Amino acid sequence: MRIIVVPGDGIGPEITAATVAVLEAVDEALALDLRFEQRAIEFATDELILNPATRMPDLGSPLGTAEFASALCESVGRAPGSG
């Protein structure tokens, strides 16, 4: 089963890494054949906060199609100026 992983920003990457580690352990124990494909978010989250009309860009994969069975997406949107 292919799962797309989008780490997000801020604490997203750390949370995502821990979540994937747990899923990998479950996969190994239950032989679920999980395969993770990580995609980076390449846009300024500050822009999304400052301008709510901004749309998230395409992640380069048609989510919601047969290509991926599931998506693991962490939070996006650190406060402007928070680094």
PDB file of N, CA and C in Angstrom:
ATOM      1  N   MET A   1       0.844  -1.167   0.000  1.00  0.00           N
ATOM      2  CA  MET A   1       0.000   0.000   0.000  1.00  0.00           C
ATOM      3  C   MET A   1       0.895   1.237   0.000  1.00  0.00           C
ATOM      4  N   ARG A   2       0.727   2.097  -0.982  1.00  0.00           N
ATOM      5  CA  ARG A   2       1.508   3.327  -1.078  1.00  0.00           C
ATOM      6  C   ARG A   2       0.837   4.435  -0.283  1.00  0.00           C
ATOM      7  N   ILE A   3       1.642   5.108   0.523  1.00  0.00           N
ATOM      8  CA  ILE A   3       1.159   6.210   1.342  1.00  0.00           C
ATOM      9  C   ILE A   3       2.026   7.421   1.062  1.00  0.00           C
ATOM     10  N   ILE A   4       1.399   8.530   0.692  1.00  0.00           N
ATOM     11  CA  ILE A   4       2.150   9.767   0.499  1.00  0.00           C
ATOM     12  C   ILE A   4       2.291  10.436   1.861  1.00  0.00           C
ATOM     13  N   VAL A   5       3.504  10.940   2.134  1.00  0.00           N
ATOM     14  CA  VAL A   5       3.807  11.584   3.410  1.00  0.00           C
ATOM     15  C   VAL A   5       4.209  13.024   3.132  1.00  0.00           C
ATOM     16  N   VAL A   6       3.498  13.977   3.750  1.00  0.00           N
ATOM     17  CA  VAL A   6       3.782  15.406   3.602  1.00  0.00           C
ATOM     18  C   VAL A   6       4.096  15.937   5.002  1.00  0.00           C
ATOM     19  N   PRO A   7       5.392  16.155   5.299  1.00  0.00           N
ATOM     20  CA  PRO A   7       5.792  16.484   6.666  1.00  0.00           C
ATOM     21  C   PRO A   7       5.290  17.814   7.223  1.00  0.00           C
ATOM     22  N   GLY A   8       4.925  18.756   6.396  1.00  0.00           N
ATOM     23  CA  GLY A   8       4.503  20.053   6.911  1.00  0.00           C
ATOM     24  C   GLY A   8       5.699  20.900   7.297  1.00  0.00           C
ATOM     25  N   ASP A   9       5.480  21.857   8.192  1.00  0.00           N
ATOM     26  CA  ASP A   9       6.571  22.731   8.628  1.00  0.00           C
ATOM     27  C   ASP A   9       6.516  22.853  10.148  1.00  0.00           C
ATOM     28  N   GLY A  10       7.352  23.708  10.696  1.00  0.00           N
ATOM     29  CA  GLY A  10       7.384  23.841  12.155  1.00  0.00           C
ATOM     30  C   GLY A  10       7.768  22.512  12.789  1.00  0.00           C
ATOM     31  N   ILE A  11       6.917  21.979  13.673  1.00  0.00           N
ATOM     32  CA  ILE A  11       7.197  20.682  14.288  1.00  0.00           C
ATOM     33  C   ILE A  11       6.719  19.525  13.427  1.00  0.00           C
ATOM     34  N   GLY A  12       6.115  19.817  12.285  1.00  0.00           N
ATOM     35  CA  GLY A  12       5.603  18.774  11.399  1.00  0.00           C
ATOM     36  C   GLY A  12       6.582  17.675  11.062  1.00  0.00           C
ATOM     37  N   PRO A  13       7.821  17.997  10.644  1.00  0.00           N
ATOM     38  CA  PRO A  13       8.773  16.945  10.282  1.00  0.00           C
ATOM     39  C   PRO A  13       9.087  15.983  11.434  1.00  0.00           C
ATOM     40  N   GLU A  14       9.206  16.514  12.660  1.00  0.00           N
ATOM     41  CA  GLU A  14       9.505  15.645  13.802  1.00  0.00           C
ATOM     42  C   GLU A  14       8.318  14.738  14.120  1.00  0.00           C
ATOM     43  N   ILE A  15       7.127  15.283  14.070  1.00  0.00           N
ATOM     44  CA  ILE A  15       5.914  14.498  14.325  1.00  0.00           C
ATOM     45  C   ILE A  15       5.744  13.448  13.236  1.00  0.00           C
ATOM     46  N   THR A  16       5.969  13.844  11.990  1.00  0.00           N
ATOM     47  CA  THR A  16       5.840  12.914  10.871  1.00  0.00           C
ATOM     48  C   THR A  16       6.836  11.770  10.993  1.00  0.00           C
ATOM     49  N   ALA A  17       8.089  12.072  11.328  1.00  0.00           N
ATOM     50  CA  ALA A  17       9.111  11.031  11.455  1.00  0.00           C
ATOM     51  C   ALA A  17       8.718  10.010  12.521  1.00  0.00           C
ATOM     52  N   ALA A  18       8.206  10.477  13.653  1.00  0.00           N
ATOM     53  CA  ALA A  18       7.782   9.562  14.715  1.00  0.00           C
ATOM     54  C   ALA A  18       6.577   8.733  14.274  1.00  0.00           C
ATOM     55  N   THR A  19       5.650   9.352  13.575  1.00  0.00           N
ATOM     56  CA  THR A  19       4.464   8.645  13.098  1.00  0.00           C
ATOM     57  C   THR A  19       4.841   7.564  12.092  1.00  0.00           C
ATOM     58  N   VAL A  20       5.728   7.912  11.153  1.00  0.00           N
ATOM     59  CA  VAL A  20       6.170   6.934  10.153  1.00  0.00           C
ATOM     60  C   VAL A  20       6.916   5.789  10.832  1.00  0.00           C
ATOM     61  N   ALA A  21       7.730   6.089  11.852  1.00  0.00           N
ATOM     62  CA  ALA A  21       8.455   5.032  12.569  1.00  0.00           C
ATOM     63  C   ALA A  21       7.479   4.038  13.211  1.00  0.00           C
ATOM     64  N   VAL A  22       6.408   4.550  13.791  1.00  0.00           N
ATOM     65  CA  VAL A  22       5.396   3.668  14.388  1.00  0.00           C
ATOM     66  C   VAL A  22       4.718   2.836  13.304  1.00  0.00           C
ATOM     67  N   LEU A  23       4.349   3.470  12.200  1.00  0.00           N
ATOM     68  CA  LEU A  23       3.699   2.740  11.111  1.00  0.00           C
ATOM     69  C   LEU A  23       4.638   1.682  10.508  1.00  0.00           C
ATOM     70  N   GLU A  24       5.927   1.986  10.422  1.00  0.00           N
ATOM     71  CA  GLU A  24       6.893   1.000   9.912  1.00  0.00           C
ATOM     72  C   GLU A  24       6.986  -0.206  10.852  1.00  0.00           C
ATOM     73  N   ALA A  25       6.938   0.042  12.165  1.00  0.00           N
ATOM     74  CA  ALA A  25       6.978  -1.061  13.130  1.00  0.00           C
ATOM     75  C   ALA A  25       5.724  -1.926  13.009  1.00  0.00           C
ATOM     76  N   VAL A  26       4.573  -1.292  12.844  1.00  0.00           N
ATOM     77  CA  VAL A  26       3.326  -2.036  12.655  1.00  0.00           C
ATOM     78  C   VAL A  26       3.379  -2.820  11.343  1.00  0.00           C
ATOM     79  N   ASP A  27       3.908  -2.185  10.316  1.00  0.00           N
ATOM     80  CA  ASP A  27       4.043  -2.850   9.017  1.00  0.00           C
ATOM     81  C   ASP A  27       4.916  -4.096   9.130  1.00  0.00           C
ATOM     82  N   GLU A  28       6.032  -3.959   9.842  1.00  0.00           N
ATOM     83  CA  GLU A  28       6.930  -5.098  10.000  1.00  0.00           C
ATOM     84  C   GLU A  28       6.264  -6.228  10.795  1.00  0.00           C
ATOM     85  N   ALA A  29       5.519  -5.865  11.829  1.00  0.00           N
ATOM     86  CA  ALA A  29       4.866  -6.870  12.672  1.00  0.00           C
ATOM     87  C   ALA A  29       3.719  -7.583  11.954  1.00  0.00           C
ATOM     88  N   LEU A  30       3.003  -6.840  11.116  1.00  0.00           N
ATOM     89  CA  LEU A  30       1.805  -7.389  10.478  1.00  0.00           C
ATOM     90  C   LEU A  30       1.961  -7.663   8.987  1.00  0.00           C
ATOM     91  N   ALA A  31       3.127  -7.384   8.436  1.00  0.00           N
ATOM     92  CA  ALA A  31       3.392  -7.592   7.005  1.00  0.00           C
ATOM     93  C   ALA A  31       2.315  -6.956   6.130  1.00  0.00           C
ATOM     94  N   LEU A  32       2.122  -5.656   6.316  1.00  0.00           N
ATOM     95  CA  LEU A  32       1.085  -4.931   5.577  1.00  0.00           C
ATOM     96  C   LEU A  32       1.548  -4.429   4.210  1.00  0.00           C
ATOM     97  N   ASP A  33       2.844  -4.471   3.949  1.00  0.00           N
ATOM     98  CA  ASP A  33       3.424  -3.977   2.699  1.00  0.00           C
ATOM     99  C   ASP A  33       3.155  -2.481   2.511  1.00  0.00           C
ATOM    100  N   LEU A  34       3.401  -1.704   3.569  1.00  0.00           N
ATOM    101  CA  LEU A  34       3.254  -0.250   3.474  1.00  0.00           C
ATOM    102  C   LEU A  34       4.503   0.324   2.823  1.00  0.00           C
ATOM    103  N   ARG A  35       4.302   1.260   1.905  1.00  0.00           N
ATOM    104  CA  ARG A  35       5.407   1.962   1.246  1.00  0.00           C
ATOM    105  C   ARG A  35       5.148   3.448   1.347  1.00  0.00           C
ATOM    106  N   PHE A  36       6.108   4.159   1.884  1.00  0.00           N
ATOM    107  CA  PHE A  36       5.956   5.586   2.129  1.00  0.00           C
ATOM    108  C   PHE A  36       6.715   6.385   1.083  1.00  0.00           C
ATOM    109  N   GLU A  37       6.067   7.405   0.544  1.00  0.00           N
ATOM    110  CA  GLU A  37       6.707   8.306  -0.423  1.00  0.00           C
ATOM    111  C   GLU A  37       6.558   9.718   0.102  1.00  0.00           C
ATOM    112  N   GLN A  38       7.673  10.331   0.445  1.00  0.00           N
ATOM    113  CA  GLN A  38       7.644  11.658   1.035  1.00  0.00           C
ATOM    114  C   GLN A  38       7.641  12.733  -0.044  1.00  0.00           C
ATOM    115  N   ARG A  39       6.817  13.744   0.157  1.00  0.00           N
ATOM    116  CA  ARG A  39       6.768  14.909  -0.736  1.00  0.00           C
ATOM    117  C   ARG A  39       6.954  16.164   0.096  1.00  0.00           C
ATOM    118  N   ALA A  40       7.767  17.067  -0.381  1.00  0.00           N
ATOM    119  CA  ALA A  40       8.007  18.329   0.318  1.00  0.00           C
ATOM    120  C   ALA A  40       6.941  19.349  -0.054  1.00  0.00           C
ATOM    121  N   ILE A  41       6.652  20.207   0.880  1.00  0.00           N
ATOM    122  CA  ILE A  41       5.779  21.343   0.597  1.00  0.00           C
ATOM    123  C   ILE A  41       6.698  22.486   0.204  1.00  0.00           C
ATOM    124  N   GLU A  42       6.541  22.974  -1.008  1.00  0.00           N
ATOM    125  CA  GLU A  42       7.440  24.005  -1.507  1.00  0.00           C
ATOM    126  C   GLU A  42       6.684  25.305  -1.773  1.00  0.00           C
ATOM    127  N   PHE A  43       6.234  25.899  -0.695  1.00  0.00           N
ATOM    128  CA  PHE A  43       5.580  27.196  -0.787  1.00  0.00           C
ATOM    129  C   PHE A  43       5.735  27.878   0.564  1.00  0.00           C
ATOM    130  N   ALA A  44       5.517  29.159   0.593  1.00  0.00           N
ATOM    131  CA  ALA A  44       5.677  29.921   1.829  1.00  0.00           C
ATOM    132  C   ALA A  44       4.400  29.837   2.655  1.00  0.00           C
ATOM    133  N   THR A  45       4.487  29.172   3.798  1.00  0.00           N
ATOM    134  CA  THR A  45       3.295  29.067   4.645  1.00  0.00           C
ATOM    135  C   THR A  45       2.885  30.428   5.173  1.00  0.00           C
ATOM    136  N   ASP A  46       3.855  31.335   5.334  1.00  0.00           N
ATOM    137  CA  ASP A  46       3.514  32.683   5.782  1.00  0.00           C
ATOM    138  C   ASP A  46       2.518  33.327   4.823  1.00  0.00           C
ATOM    139  N   GLU A  47       2.681  33.079   3.536  1.00  0.00           N
ATOM    140  CA  GLU A  47       1.774  33.642   2.535  1.00  0.00           C
ATOM    141  C   GLU A  47       0.352  33.123   2.746  1.00  0.00           C
ATOM    142  N   LEU A  48       0.229  31.855   3.108  1.00  0.00           N
ATOM    143  CA  LEU A  48      -1.102  31.301   3.359  1.00  0.00           C
ATOM    144  C   LEU A  48      -1.775  31.974   4.546  1.00  0.00           C
ATOM    145  N   ILE A  49      -0.979  32.311   5.562  1.00  0.00           N
ATOM    146  CA  ILE A  49      -1.537  32.943   6.759  1.00  0.00           C
ATOM    147  C   ILE A  49      -1.900  34.394   6.478  1.00  0.00           C
ATOM    148  N   LEU A  50      -1.008  35.109   5.802  1.00  0.00           N
ATOM    149  CA  LEU A  50      -1.230  36.531   5.544  1.00  0.00           C
ATOM    150  C   LEU A  50      -2.273  36.782   4.461  1.00  0.00           C
ATOM    151  N   ASN A  51      -2.419  35.840   3.538  1.00  0.00           N
ATOM    152  CA  ASN A  51      -3.363  35.993   2.434  1.00  0.00           C
ATOM    153  C   ASN A  51      -4.190  34.710   2.301  1.00  0.00           C
ATOM    154  N   PRO A  52      -5.317  34.634   3.005  1.00  0.00           N
ATOM    155  CA  PRO A  52      -6.116  33.411   2.992  1.00  0.00           C
ATOM    156  C   PRO A  52      -6.601  32.980   1.607  1.00  0.00           C
ATOM    157  N   ALA A  53      -6.556  33.876   0.637  1.00  0.00           N
ATOM    158  CA  ALA A  53      -6.993  33.515  -0.718  1.00  0.00           C
ATOM    159  C   ALA A  53      -5.942  32.689  -1.454  1.00  0.00           C
ATOM    160  N   THR A  54      -4.729  32.605  -0.905  1.00  0.00           N
ATOM    161  CA  THR A  54      -3.659  31.828  -1.516  1.00  0.00           C
ATOM    162  C   THR A  54      -4.022  30.346  -1.475  1.00  0.00           C
ATOM    163  N   ARG A  55      -3.807  29.666  -2.573  1.00  0.00           N
ATOM    164  CA  ARG A  55      -4.086  28.232  -2.636  1.00  0.00           C
ATOM    165  C   ARG A  55      -2.808  27.437  -2.452  1.00  0.00           C
ATOM    166  N   MET A  56      -2.925  26.285  -1.779  1.00  0.00           N
ATOM    167  CA  MET A  56      -1.778  25.392  -1.692  1.00  0.00           C
ATOM    168  C   MET A  56      -1.459  24.883  -3.080  1.00  0.00           C
ATOM    169  N   PRO A  57      -0.180  24.756  -3.409  1.00  0.00           N
ATOM    170  CA  PRO A  57       0.182  24.251  -4.731  1.00  0.00           C
ATOM    171  C   PRO A  57      -0.048  22.750  -4.837  1.00  0.00           C
ATOM    172  N   ASP A  58      -0.087  22.275  -6.043  1.00  0.00           N
ATOM    173  CA  ASP A  58      -0.194  20.846  -6.308  1.00  0.00           C
ATOM    174  C   ASP A  58       1.076  20.173  -5.791  1.00  0.00           C
ATOM    175  N   LEU A  59       0.938  19.079  -5.074  1.00  0.00           N
ATOM    176  CA  LEU A  59       2.094  18.371  -4.542  1.00  0.00           C
ATOM    177  C   LEU A  59       2.739  17.463  -5.568  1.00  0.00           C
ATOM    178  N   GLY A  60       2.261  17.527  -6.796  1.00  0.00           N
ATOM    179  CA  GLY A  60       2.874  16.735  -7.852  1.00  0.00           C
ATOM    180  C   GLY A  60       2.312  15.335  -7.947  1.00  0.00           C
ATOM    181  N   SER A  61       1.229  15.068  -7.249  1.00  0.00           N
ATOM    182  CA  SER A  61       0.625  13.745  -7.290  1.00  0.00           C
ATOM    183  C   SER A  61      -0.871  13.875  -7.106  1.00  0.00           C
ATOM    184  N   PRO A  62      -1.629  13.122  -7.838  1.00  0.00           N
ATOM    185  CA  PRO A  62      -3.088  13.214  -7.715  1.00  0.00           C
ATOM    186  C   PRO A  62      -3.596  12.478  -6.478  1.00  0.00           C
ATOM    187  N   LEU A  63      -3.626  13.184  -5.349  1.00  0.00           N
ATOM    188  CA  LEU A  63      -4.193  12.580  -4.144  1.00  0.00           C
ATOM    189  C   LEU A  63      -5.650  12.231  -4.415  1.00  0.00           C
ATOM    190  N   GLY A  64      -6.106  11.196  -3.777  1.00  0.00           N
ATOM    191  CA  GLY A  64      -7.492  10.800  -3.970  1.00  0.00           C
ATOM    192  C   GLY A  64      -7.693   9.926  -5.193  1.00  0.00           C
ATOM    193  N   THR A  65      -6.617   9.483  -5.804  1.00  0.00           N
ATOM    194  CA  THR A  65      -6.723   8.558  -6.932  1.00  0.00           C
ATOM    195  C   THR A  65      -6.120   7.229  -6.516  1.00  0.00           C
ATOM    196  N   ALA A  66      -6.099   6.297  -7.407  1.00  0.00           N
ATOM    197  CA  ALA A  66      -5.569   4.971  -7.110  1.00  0.00           C
ATOM    198  C   ALA A  66      -4.061   4.976  -6.911  1.00  0.00           C
ATOM    199  N   GLU A  67      -3.377   6.087  -7.229  1.00  0.00           N
ATOM    200  CA  GLU A  67      -1.927   6.112  -7.088  1.00  0.00           C
ATOM    201  C   GLU A  67      -1.489   5.914  -5.640  1.00  0.00           C
ATOM    202  N   PHE A  68      -2.208   6.510  -4.696  1.00  0.00           N
ATOM    203  CA  PHE A  68      -1.908   6.367  -3.275  1.00  0.00           C
ATOM    204  C   PHE A  68      -3.137   5.859  -2.551  1.00  0.00           C
ATOM    205  N   ALA A  69      -2.909   4.943  -1.626  1.00  0.00           N
ATOM    206  CA  ALA A  69      -4.022   4.407  -0.845  1.00  0.00           C
ATOM    207  C   ALA A  69      -4.404   5.352   0.287  1.00  0.00           C
ATOM    208  N   SER A  70      -3.434   6.170   0.725  1.00  0.00           N
ATOM    209  CA  SER A  70      -3.682   7.052   1.852  1.00  0.00           C
ATOM    210  C   SER A  70      -2.681   8.196   1.830  1.00  0.00           C
ATOM    211  N   ALA A  71      -2.955   9.203   2.659  1.00  0.00           N
ATOM    212  CA  ALA A  71      -2.046  10.346   2.797  1.00  0.00           C
ATOM    213  C   ALA A  71      -1.847  10.646   4.273  1.00  0.00           C
ATOM    214  N   LEU A  72      -0.601  10.926   4.635  1.00  0.00           N
ATOM    215  CA  LEU A  72      -0.253  11.349   5.986  1.00  0.00           C
ATOM    216  C   LEU A  72       0.269  12.766   5.856  1.00  0.00           C
ATOM    217  N   CYS A  73      -0.541  13.741   6.250  1.00  0.00           N
ATOM    218  CA  CYS A  73      -0.173  15.150   6.107  1.00  0.00           C
ATOM    219  C   CYS A  73      -0.158  15.807   7.479  1.00  0.00           C
ATOM    220  N   GLU A  74       0.963  16.414   7.810  1.00  0.00           N
ATOM    221  CA  GLU A  74       1.079  17.108   9.083  1.00  0.00           C
ATOM    222  C   GLU A  74       0.735  18.579   8.903  1.00  0.00           C
ATOM    223  N   SER A  75       0.739  19.299  10.004  1.00  0.00           N
ATOM    224  CA  SER A  75       0.300  20.691   9.996  1.00  0.00           C
ATOM    225  C   SER A  75       1.216  21.588   9.170  1.00  0.00           C
ATOM    226  N   VAL A  76       0.606  22.600   8.606  1.00  0.00           N
ATOM    227  CA  VAL A  76       1.313  23.597   7.802  1.00  0.00           C
ATOM    228  C   VAL A  76       0.832  24.963   8.277  1.00  0.00           C
ATOM    229  N   GLY A  77       1.746  25.884   8.476  1.00  0.00           N
ATOM    230  CA  GLY A  77       1.315  27.235   8.788  1.00  0.00           C
ATOM    231  C   GLY A  77       1.878  27.793  10.066  1.00  0.00           C
ATOM    232  N   ARG A  78       3.176  28.008  10.102  1.00  0.00           N
ATOM    233  CA  ARG A  78       3.762  28.653  11.268  1.00  0.00           C
ATOM    234  C   ARG A  78       3.383  30.143  11.244  1.00  0.00           C
ATOM    235  N   ALA A  79       3.409  30.740  12.381  1.00  0.00           N
ATOM    236  CA  ALA A  79       3.042  32.155  12.474  1.00  0.00           C
ATOM    237  C   ALA A  79       4.072  33.007  11.742  1.00  0.00           C
ATOM    238  N   PRO A  80       3.606  34.064  11.070  1.00  0.00           N
ATOM    239  CA  PRO A  80       4.531  34.938  10.361  1.00  0.00           C
ATOM    240  C   PRO A  80       5.636  35.454  11.293  1.00  0.00           C
ATOM    241  N   GLY A  81       6.878  35.389  10.816  1.00  0.00           N
ATOM    242  CA  GLY A  81       8.010  35.870  11.576  1.00  0.00           C
ATOM    243  C   GLY A  81       8.532  34.907  12.631  1.00  0.00           C
ATOM    244  N   SER A  82       7.954  33.700  12.706  1.00  0.00           N
ATOM    245  CA  SER A  82       8.381  32.758  13.746  1.00  0.00           C
ATOM    246  C   SER A  82       9.569  31.903  13.307  1.00  0.00           C
ATOM    247  N   GLY A  83      10.070  32.162  12.112  1.00  0.00           N
ATOM    248  CA  GLY A  83      11.257  31.435  11.658  1.00  0.00           C
ATOM    249  C   GLY A  83      10.888  30.344  10.787  1.00  0.00           C
TER     250      GLY A  83
END
